Amino acid sequence: MELALQQRQEINLSMTVELRQAIELLQYSTYELEQYIRQQELENPLIELKENEERNVYEERLTHRSSSFSYSNSSEMPIDIIQGNDNNMRDQLFEQVKFIFPDMEDQKLLKYLIFNLDDNGYFTFDGIDSDFHLKFNECEIEKGIHLLQEIGPIGIGARNLRECLLLQIKYTYPEKQLAGDLIENYLNLLADRKWQQISTRMNISMTEVKELYDFIQTLDPRPCSLISDCSTEYLTPDIIVELKDDDFIFYLNDSHLPNIRMSKDYTPYLQSKDDTSKYMNNHHKNYQWLLSSIEQRRNTIIKIMKVLLERQQNFFKNGFLSLKPLTLKDVAEAIEMHESTISRATMNKVIQTPFGSFDLRMLFNSKLETADGNSISQTKVKALLSAFIAQENKFKPSSDQKIADYFNTKKGITISRRTVSKYREELRIPPSSKRKEIQTSDE
């Protein structure tokens, strides 16, 4: 074996801490960026934050206008509020238990049941500790469920959908015995819309099947959909688009962020020649990189928004049906940046428009080809699909293949059965077998 010394030249791509920081900041929402800035203040003695005192007053508005859009910088901080339920429904139920049922054993049983209900109000044994089974048997659980019916929505505590519906019939509609028989014995056929089989097995007409089905539709399959612990959530848009004087303007909703300044108390240490100076200079470098990364993030989002406002004008005027095909690559080429940069900069961003607030990524849309050589956005195809299904023969709904054939021949849109199925599922539209309505002799 010979030992030899070899020289080899290689090119490796290494990511510095600073570059990693810049990439992370790109994908932060405005809220996450604020939290990051405040964390940096704790870690870096050179960073000093000055809060903006007047958050709801326009401090400055820098406007860059073109023929169709502008950008402005505002300190106004509008937010969409999603009202939550401040009171915990489980706690409310248990307060009623303590008031209505004086027996301590009943209270203990009902407390176990209430705090082990799922978000729909069903009681399941999943996740129940073994101690529960030692304290309460099946009969006691059955008793507890019926006690719950006295204080909560009818159906609460049911162990499955069948029991939930049967409880509602038992306590609210005892005269609907035929509907109870249908739920008890043929719920699966009902779910699969096997109308003829139900008619045959129950020996009733299709008209009666329809009447039973219409009644069962009025029952609540989730009697406690608000039982989950909810609190008020605030949706703060990162970008706001408004129509003013027939022009669209946009601004980044970030002027409420604290101003980042360098603390003067530590400036003298930067000039010394000891270990303290080295320590402070490292922090000074991080301070500069933080400012640079935030500005780079800001400028990148502004460039992206200018392209979006220019190319999606019809969307901002008319809504989602007018959304044009536009990809991350299209925007990357327009502003001469890498596609991955656009991807990161548009992540976790909420845009507020005249049509509401939603994920910025929704403005990016893949395309489908049409027979005339043009293209159409996926969003518009989904809207056409939804409209087609809404107007179809409800007694003979179209299969995915028939819908694909219709789009190809009548609309000139090249689409496969698999794509139709995918879009239908994204729209939460059931397959044709689940859309079939009951046809009686009168129809």
Protein backbone atom coordinates (compact mmCIF):
# COMPACT_ATOMS: atom_id res chain seq x y z
CA MET A 1 0.00 0.00 0.00
CA GLU A 2 1.38 3.39 -1.01
CA LEU A 3 0.79 6.61 0.85
CA ALA A 4 0.27 9.58 -1.42
CA LEU A 5 -0.42 13.25 -0.88
CA GLN A 6 -3.12 14.59 -3.20
CA GLN A 7 -4.41 18.10 -3.74
CA ARG A 8 -8.06 18.53 -4.74
CA GLN A 9 -10.12 21.66 -5.42
CA GLU A 10 -13.77 21.66 -4.37
CA ILE A 11 -16.55 24.23 -4.25
CA ASN A 12 -18.90 23.97 -1.28
CA LEU A 13 -21.88 26.13 -0.44
CA SER A 14 -21.92 27.00 3.24
CA MET A 15 -24.65 28.97 4.95
CA THR A 16 -23.47 31.56 7.44
CA VAL A 17 -25.41 32.43 10.57
CA GLU A 18 -26.22 35.82 9.08
CA LEU A 19 -27.56 34.32 5.86
CA ARG A 20 -29.66 31.87 7.83
CA GLN A 21 -31.07 34.78 9.83
CA ALA A 22 -31.99 36.70 6.68
CA ILE A 23 -33.77 33.63 5.26
CA GLU A 24 -35.69 33.06 8.50
CA LEU A 25 -36.84 36.67 8.68
CA LEU A 26 -38.20 36.45 5.13
CA GLN A 27 -40.75 33.82 6.09
CA TYR A 28 -41.82 35.45 9.37
CA SER A 29 -45.23 37.08 9.62
CA THR A 30 -45.24 40.62 11.03
CA TYR A 31 -46.28 39.27 14.42
CA GLU A 32 -43.48 36.69 14.42
CA LEU A 33 -41.01 39.38 13.35
CA GLU A 34 -42.01 41.53 16.30
CA GLN A 35 -41.47 38.64 18.70
CA TYR A 36 -38.07 37.97 17.12
CA ILE A 37 -37.03 41.62 17.45
CA ARG A 38 -37.96 41.64 21.13
CA GLN A 39 -36.02 38.44 21.68
CA GLN A 40 -32.96 40.01 20.05
CA GLU A 41 -33.23 42.92 22.46
CA LEU A 42 -32.87 40.47 25.34
CA GLU A 43 -29.88 38.72 23.78
CA ASN A 44 -27.98 41.71 22.40
CA PRO A 45 -26.99 44.50 24.86
CA LEU A 46 -26.42 46.92 21.97
CA ILE A 47 -30.05 46.76 20.82
CA GLU A 48 -32.43 49.30 22.27
CA LEU A 49 -36.08 49.41 21.23
CA LYS A 50 -38.20 52.54 21.09
CA GLU A 51 -41.93 51.90 21.00
CA ASN A 52 -44.16 53.72 18.56
CA GLU A 53 -46.47 55.78 20.76
CA GLU A 54 -49.14 56.66 18.20
CA ARG A 55 -50.04 53.40 16.54
CA ASN A 56 -53.36 54.51 15.11
CA VAL A 57 -52.22 57.76 13.55
CA TYR A 58 -50.61 58.07 10.11
CA GLU A 59 -47.01 59.02 10.87
CA GLU A 60 -45.74 58.85 7.33
CA ARG A 61 -47.01 57.76 3.94
CA LEU A 62 -44.44 57.19 1.24
CA THR A 63 -46.23 56.84 -2.07
CA HIS A 64 -44.79 55.33 -5.24
CA ARG A 65 -47.39 55.60 -7.97
CA SER A 66 -47.67 54.07 -11.38
CA SER A 67 -50.59 54.16 -13.77
CA SER A 68 -52.46 51.47 -11.85
CA PHE A 69 -51.13 51.05 -8.31
CA SER A 70 -49.17 52.62 -5.50
CA TYR A 71 -47.40 51.66 -2.32
CA SER A 72 -47.67 53.53 0.94
CA ASN A 73 -46.20 53.18 4.41
CA SER A 74 -48.66 53.66 7.24
CA SER A 75 -48.65 53.28 10.98
CA GLU A 76 -52.32 52.43 11.01
CA MET A 77 -52.80 48.94 12.40
CA PRO A 78 -56.13 47.47 11.26
CA ILE A 79 -56.97 43.98 12.40
CA ASP A 80 -59.66 41.44 11.67
CA ILE A 81 -61.15 40.13 14.90
CA ILE A 82 -62.44 36.58 15.08
CA GLN A 83 -64.74 36.58 18.05
CA GLY A 84 -64.21 33.58 20.26
CA ASN A 85 -66.15 32.15 23.14
CA ASP A 86 -64.66 33.59 26.34
CA ASN A 87 -66.60 31.22 28.58
CA ASN A 88 -65.58 27.58 28.71
CA MET A 89 -68.66 25.50 27.94
CA ARG A 90 -67.37 22.56 29.98
CA ASP A 91 -67.08 24.78 33.05
CA GLN A 92 -70.58 26.11 32.44
CA LEU A 93 -71.98 22.59 32.22
CA PHE A 94 -70.29 21.54 35.43
CA GLU A 95 -71.59 24.63 37.24
CA GLN A 96 -75.10 23.51 36.24
CA VAL A 97 -74.31 19.99 37.45
CA LYS A 98 -73.38 21.29 40.91
CA PHE A 99 -76.56 23.37 41.03
CA ILE A 100 -79.00 20.69 39.77
CA PHE A 101 -77.52 17.43 41.13
CA PRO A 102 -76.68 17.63 44.88
CA ASP A 103 -75.45 14.04 45.09
CA MET A 104 -71.63 14.12 45.20
CA GLU A 105 -71.27 10.80 43.38
CA ASP A 106 -73.41 12.10 40.52
CA GLN A 107 -71.29 15.24 40.39
CA LYS A 108 -68.11 13.19 40.26
CA LEU A 109 -69.47 10.99 37.47
CA LEU A 110 -70.72 13.94 35.42
CA LYS A 111 -67.46 15.82 35.88
CA TYR A 112 -65.56 12.87 34.43
CA LEU A 113 -67.96 12.70 31.51
CA ILE A 114 -68.00 16.44 30.76
CA PHE A 115 -64.24 16.85 30.78
CA ASN A 116 -63.78 13.80 28.56
CA LEU A 117 -66.21 14.87 25.84
CA ASP A 118 -64.66 15.50 22.43
CA ASP A 119 -65.11 18.77 20.54
CA ASN A 120 -68.48 17.64 19.17
CA GLY A 121 -69.86 16.67 22.57
CA TYR A 122 -69.34 12.91 22.11
CA PHE A 123 -68.01 10.72 24.90
CA THR A 124 -65.35 8.22 23.87
CA PHE A 125 -63.04 5.99 25.83
CA ASP A 126 -59.98 7.20 23.90
CA GLY A 127 -57.56 8.83 26.28
CA ILE A 128 -59.58 7.96 29.39
CA ASP A 129 -57.30 6.96 32.27
CA SER A 130 -57.60 3.50 33.78
CA ASP A 131 -58.79 4.99 37.06
CA PHE A 132 -62.03 5.96 35.32
CA HIS A 133 -62.90 2.33 34.59
CA LEU A 134 -62.25 1.38 38.19
CA LYS A 135 -64.67 4.04 39.46
CA PHE A 136 -67.53 3.77 36.96
CA ASN A 137 -69.06 0.79 35.18
CA GLU A 138 -71.10 0.72 31.97
CA CYS A 139 -74.42 1.19 33.78
CA GLU A 140 -73.16 4.25 35.62
CA ILE A 141 -71.86 5.74 32.37
CA GLU A 142 -75.28 5.15 30.80
CA LYS A 143 -76.89 6.89 33.76
CA GLY A 144 -74.48 9.82 33.49
CA ILE A 145 -75.22 10.30 29.81
CA HIS A 146 -78.95 10.48 30.49
CA LEU A 147 -78.34 12.96 33.32
CA LEU A 148 -76.38 15.11 30.89
CA GLN A 149 -79.44 15.31 28.64
CA GLU A 150 -81.19 17.27 31.40
CA ILE A 151 -78.66 20.11 31.44
CA GLY A 152 -76.96 20.13 28.04
CA PRO A 153 -77.97 20.06 24.39
CA ILE A 154 -79.87 16.89 23.55
CA GLY A 155 -77.38 14.37 22.18
CA ILE A 156 -74.49 15.41 24.42
CA GLY A 157 -72.48 12.51 25.81
CA ALA A 158 -73.43 10.15 22.99
CA ARG A 159 -70.76 7.61 22.10
CA ASN A 160 -71.35 7.77 18.36
CA LEU A 161 -73.51 9.44 15.72
CA ARG A 162 -76.24 6.79 15.89
CA GLU A 163 -76.69 7.23 19.64
CA CYS A 164 -76.59 11.03 19.30
CA LEU A 165 -79.46 11.06 16.80
CA LEU A 166 -81.45 8.47 18.74
CA LEU A 167 -81.17 10.54 21.92
CA GLN A 168 -82.60 13.55 20.10
CA ILE A 169 -85.54 11.49 18.89
CA LYS A 170 -86.08 9.94 22.32
CA TYR A 171 -86.15 13.23 24.23
CA THR A 172 -87.49 15.65 21.62
CA TYR A 173 -89.41 13.68 18.97
CA PRO A 174 -90.71 10.48 20.65
CA GLU A 175 -93.49 10.27 18.04
CA LYS A 176 -90.93 9.81 15.23
CA GLN A 177 -90.54 6.09 15.85
CA LEU A 178 -90.07 5.24 12.14
CA ALA A 179 -87.17 7.68 11.91
CA GLY A 180 -85.69 6.01 15.00
CA ASP A 181 -85.95 2.61 13.31
CA LEU A 182 -84.20 3.95 10.22
CA ILE A 183 -81.33 5.38 12.30
CA GLU A 184 -81.08 2.30 14.48
CA ASN A 185 -80.95 -0.25 11.67
CA TYR A 186 -80.08 1.43 8.38
CA LEU A 187 -77.88 4.43 9.16
CA ASN A 188 -75.14 3.13 6.84
CA LEU A 189 -77.59 2.86 3.94
CA LEU A 190 -78.78 6.36 4.72
CA ALA A 191 -75.22 7.69 4.61
CA ASP A 192 -74.65 5.95 1.25
CA ARG A 193 -77.97 7.24 -0.09
CA LYS A 194 -79.21 3.76 -0.92
CA TRP A 195 -82.79 4.96 -1.15
CA GLN A 196 -84.23 1.92 -2.93
CA GLN A 197 -82.67 -0.52 -0.45
CA ILE A 198 -84.11 1.48 2.47
CA SER A 199 -87.54 1.47 0.83
CA THR A 200 -87.42 -2.29 0.28
CA ARG A 201 -86.08 -3.28 3.70
CA MET A 202 -88.42 -0.99 5.65
CA ASN A 203 -91.34 -1.72 3.33
CA ILE A 204 -92.15 1.96 2.85
CA SER A 205 -92.59 4.13 -0.24
CA MET A 206 -89.92 6.42 -1.68
CA THR A 207 -92.06 9.36 -0.60
CA GLU A 208 -91.87 8.15 3.01
CA VAL A 209 -88.11 7.61 2.68
CA LYS A 210 -87.76 11.22 1.54
CA GLU A 211 -89.88 12.48 4.44
CA LEU A 212 -87.77 10.54 6.94
CA TYR A 213 -84.57 11.75 5.33
CA ASP A 214 -85.71 15.38 5.40
CA PHE A 215 -86.61 15.05 9.08
CA ILE A 216 -83.30 13.40 10.04
CA GLN A 217 -81.53 16.27 8.27
CA THR A 218 -82.99 18.61 10.89
CA LEU A 219 -81.26 16.74 13.74
CA ASP A 220 -77.90 17.99 14.98
CA PRO A 221 -75.01 15.54 14.52
CA ARG A 222 -72.74 17.78 16.62
CA PRO A 223 -74.79 19.04 19.56
CA CYS A 224 -71.79 20.61 21.29
CA SER A 225 -69.66 22.01 18.49
CA LEU A 226 -68.76 24.95 20.77
CA ILE A 227 -67.57 22.80 23.66
CA SER A 228 -63.89 23.09 22.75
CA ASP A 229 -61.96 25.67 24.70
CA CYS A 230 -62.02 28.84 22.61
CA SER A 231 -60.50 32.23 23.11
CA THR A 232 -60.56 35.37 21.05
CA GLU A 233 -58.17 35.23 18.12
CA TYR A 234 -56.81 38.23 16.26
CA LEU A 235 -55.90 38.03 12.62
CA THR A 236 -53.43 40.82 11.87
CA PRO A 237 -52.81 41.37 8.16
CA ASP A 238 -49.21 41.77 7.05
CA ILE A 239 -50.19 43.62 3.87
CA ILE A 240 -53.19 45.85 3.27
CA VAL A 241 -54.62 46.70 -0.15
CA GLU A 242 -57.15 49.51 -0.55
CA LEU A 243 -58.91 51.21 -3.43
CA LYS A 244 -58.57 54.99 -3.30
CA ASP A 245 -59.40 57.41 -6.11
CA ASP A 246 -59.75 54.52 -8.59
CA ASP A 247 -56.20 53.36 -7.79
CA PHE A 248 -55.12 50.45 -5.67
CA ILE A 249 -52.65 51.28 -2.95
CA PHE A 250 -50.92 48.88 -0.61
CA TYR A 251 -48.83 49.20 2.49
CA LEU A 252 -47.05 46.86 4.82
CA ASN A 253 -48.71 46.76 8.20
CA ASP A 254 -45.43 46.95 10.09
CA SER A 255 -45.14 50.54 11.27
CA HIS A 256 -46.28 49.50 14.73
CA LEU A 257 -43.04 47.56 15.13
CA PRO A 258 -40.60 49.09 17.64
CA ASN A 259 -37.74 51.14 16.25
CA ILE A 260 -34.37 49.41 16.60
CA ARG A 261 -31.57 51.64 17.85
CA MET A 262 -28.08 51.07 19.17
CA SER A 263 -27.60 51.74 22.86
CA LYS A 264 -25.14 54.59 23.42
CA ASP A 265 -24.11 53.17 26.79
CA TYR A 266 -21.98 50.51 25.11
CA THR A 267 -20.52 52.57 22.24
CA PRO A 268 -17.19 53.31 24.02
CA TYR A 269 -16.50 49.58 24.36
CA LEU A 270 -16.43 49.18 20.57
CA GLN A 271 -13.22 51.23 20.31
CA SER A 272 -11.20 49.47 22.98
CA LYS A 273 -8.65 46.74 22.20
CA ASP A 274 -9.53 44.14 24.81
CA ASP A 275 -11.79 41.10 25.02
CA THR A 276 -14.76 43.31 25.79
CA SER A 277 -14.29 45.07 22.48
CA LYS A 278 -14.31 41.75 20.62
CA TYR A 279 -17.47 40.73 22.44
CA MET A 280 -19.17 44.05 21.67
CA ASN A 281 -18.10 44.06 18.05
CA ASN A 282 -19.72 40.66 17.54
CA HIS A 283 -22.97 42.04 18.93
CA HIS A 284 -22.57 45.15 16.78
CA LYS A 285 -22.25 42.94 13.72
CA ASN A 286 -25.43 41.09 14.71
CA TYR A 287 -27.19 44.41 15.23
CA GLN A 288 -26.27 45.56 11.72
CA TRP A 289 -27.31 42.24 10.21
CA LEU A 290 -30.67 42.47 11.97
CA LEU A 291 -31.35 45.91 10.48
CA SER A 292 -30.18 44.75 7.06
CA SER A 293 -32.28 41.56 7.15
CA ILE A 294 -35.44 43.43 8.16
CA GLU A 295 -34.95 45.97 5.38
CA GLN A 296 -34.25 43.20 2.86
CA ARG A 297 -37.44 41.39 3.94
CA ARG A 298 -39.42 44.60 3.58
CA ASN A 299 -38.08 45.47 0.14
CA THR A 300 -38.66 41.93 -1.13
CA ILE A 301 -42.31 41.93 -0.05
CA ILE A 302 -42.82 45.36 -1.64
CA LYS A 303 -41.39 44.15 -4.95
CA ILE A 304 -43.63 41.06 -4.87
CA MET A 305 -46.72 43.14 -4.09
CA LYS A 306 -46.06 45.50 -6.99
CA VAL A 307 -46.06 42.52 -9.36
CA LEU A 308 -49.20 41.06 -7.79
CA LEU A 309 -51.10 44.34 -8.04
CA GLU A 310 -50.03 44.77 -11.63
CA ARG A 311 -50.85 41.24 -12.80
CA GLN A 312 -53.88 40.54 -10.64
CA GLN A 313 -55.72 43.82 -11.19
CA ASN A 314 -58.93 42.04 -12.12
CA PHE A 315 -58.83 40.01 -8.92
CA PHE A 316 -58.62 43.12 -6.74
CA LYS A 317 -61.51 44.62 -8.70
CA ASN A 318 -63.81 41.61 -9.11
CA GLY A 319 -62.71 38.83 -6.76
CA PHE A 320 -61.48 35.26 -7.09
CA LEU A 321 -63.26 34.44 -10.34
CA SER A 322 -60.99 36.95 -12.06
CA LEU A 323 -57.77 35.51 -10.62
CA LYS A 324 -55.25 34.95 -13.41
CA PRO A 325 -52.71 32.13 -13.60
CA LEU A 326 -49.58 33.26 -11.78
CA THR A 327 -46.77 31.18 -10.30
CA LEU A 328 -43.92 31.88 -7.90
CA LYS A 329 -41.59 31.45 -10.85
CA ASP A 330 -43.41 34.17 -12.81
CA VAL A 331 -42.91 36.66 -9.98
CA ALA A 332 -39.30 35.56 -9.44
CA GLU A 333 -38.49 36.28 -13.08
CA ALA A 334 -40.28 39.64 -12.95
CA ILE A 335 -38.22 40.95 -10.03
CA GLU A 336 -35.07 38.96 -10.88
CA MET A 337 -34.93 36.92 -7.69
CA HIS A 338 -34.72 33.22 -7.02
CA GLU A 339 -38.00 31.31 -6.82
CA SER A 340 -37.13 30.03 -3.33
CA THR A 341 -36.83 33.64 -2.14
CA ILE A 342 -40.33 34.40 -3.39
CA SER A 343 -41.59 31.23 -1.74
CA ARG A 344 -40.15 32.20 1.64
CA ALA A 345 -41.24 35.83 1.40
CA THR A 346 -44.87 34.85 0.74
CA MET A 347 -45.05 32.26 3.52
CA ASN A 348 -47.17 33.02 6.61
CA LYS A 349 -48.37 36.34 5.19
CA VAL A 350 -51.97 37.54 5.44
CA ILE A 351 -53.22 40.09 2.91
CA GLN A 352 -56.25 42.28 3.58
CA THR A 353 -58.21 43.23 0.45
CA PRO A 354 -61.63 44.74 -0.31
CA PHE A 355 -62.84 41.10 -0.50
CA GLY A 356 -61.54 40.06 2.92
CA SER A 357 -58.34 38.77 4.48
CA PHE A 358 -56.63 35.56 3.42
CA ASP A 359 -53.29 33.86 2.84
CA LEU A 360 -51.10 35.73 0.35
CA ARG A 361 -50.33 32.42 -1.37
CA MET A 362 -53.91 32.31 -2.65
CA LEU A 363 -52.97 34.94 -5.24
CA PHE A 364 -50.62 32.44 -6.84
CA ASN A 365 -52.49 30.15 -9.14
CA SER A 366 -51.48 27.33 -11.46
CA LYS A 367 -53.08 27.16 -14.88
CA LEU A 368 -54.91 24.74 -17.14
CA GLU A 369 -54.75 24.86 -20.92
CA THR A 370 -57.77 25.67 -23.08
CA ALA A 371 -58.61 24.55 -26.59
CA ASP A 372 -57.83 27.98 -28.06
CA GLY A 373 -54.27 27.89 -26.74
CA ASN A 374 -54.90 30.21 -23.81
CA SER A 375 -54.83 29.30 -20.15
CA ILE A 376 -57.29 29.49 -17.26
CA SER A 377 -56.60 29.60 -13.53
CA GLN A 378 -57.34 26.67 -11.26
CA THR A 379 -59.48 28.93 -9.08
CA LYS A 380 -61.78 29.76 -11.99
CA VAL A 381 -62.01 26.09 -12.99
CA LYS A 382 -63.02 25.23 -9.41
CA ALA A 383 -65.69 27.93 -9.52
CA LEU A 384 -67.02 26.53 -12.81
CA LEU A 385 -66.98 23.03 -11.33
CA SER A 386 -68.92 24.17 -8.27
CA ALA A 387 -71.48 25.97 -10.47
CA PHE A 388 -71.88 22.93 -12.73
CA ILE A 389 -72.56 20.58 -9.81
CA ALA A 390 -75.00 23.07 -8.27
CA GLN A 391 -77.09 22.99 -11.45
CA GLU A 392 -76.85 19.28 -12.28
CA ASN A 393 -79.74 16.84 -12.19
CA LYS A 394 -79.97 16.10 -8.48
CA PHE A 395 -81.53 12.69 -9.17
CA LYS A 396 -78.80 11.67 -11.65
CA PRO A 397 -75.64 13.54 -10.62
CA SER A 398 -72.70 13.48 -13.03
CA SER A 399 -69.66 11.34 -12.37
CA ASP A 400 -66.18 12.88 -12.35
CA GLN A 401 -65.54 11.43 -15.81
CA LYS A 402 -68.70 12.98 -17.24
CA ILE A 403 -67.76 16.34 -15.72
CA ALA A 404 -64.27 16.07 -17.24
CA ASP A 405 -65.81 15.25 -20.63
CA TYR A 406 -68.12 18.27 -20.34
CA PHE A 407 -65.24 20.65 -19.60
CA ASN A 408 -63.18 19.22 -22.46
CA THR A 409 -65.92 19.30 -25.11
CA LYS A 410 -68.20 22.17 -24.06
CA LYS A 411 -65.82 24.53 -22.27
CA GLY A 412 -62.62 23.74 -24.15
CA ILE A 413 -60.75 23.21 -20.87
CA THR A 414 -58.27 20.34 -20.86
CA ILE A 415 -58.85 18.50 -17.60
CA SER A 416 -58.68 14.86 -16.52
CA ARG A 417 -61.08 12.87 -14.38
CA ARG A 418 -58.44 12.67 -11.65
CA THR A 419 -58.10 16.47 -11.60
CA VAL A 420 -61.88 16.88 -11.37
CA SER A 421 -61.88 14.49 -8.42
CA LYS A 422 -59.06 16.42 -6.76
CA TYR A 423 -60.77 19.79 -7.18
CA ARG A 424 -64.10 18.37 -6.02
CA GLU A 425 -62.50 17.06 -2.82
CA GLU A 426 -60.78 20.40 -2.22
CA LEU A 427 -64.19 22.06 -2.55
CA ARG A 428 -65.59 19.47 -0.12
CA ILE A 429 -68.15 18.29 -2.63
CA PRO A 430 -69.07 14.61 -2.21
CA PRO A 431 -68.90 12.15 -5.14
CA SER A 432 -71.92 11.56 -7.35
CA SER A 433 -73.11 8.58 -5.28
CA LYS A 434 -73.33 10.85 -2.22
CA ARG A 435 -75.06 13.68 -4.11
CA LYS A 436 -77.99 11.63 -5.37
CA GLU A 437 -81.34 12.86 -4.06
CA ILE A 438 -84.46 10.77 -3.48
CA GLN A 439 -86.77 10.63 -6.48
CA THR A 440 -90.37 9.98 -5.54
CA SER A 441 -93.18 9.09 -7.91
CA ASP A 442 -94.36 12.71 -7.82
CA GLU A 443 -91.05 14.03 -9.22
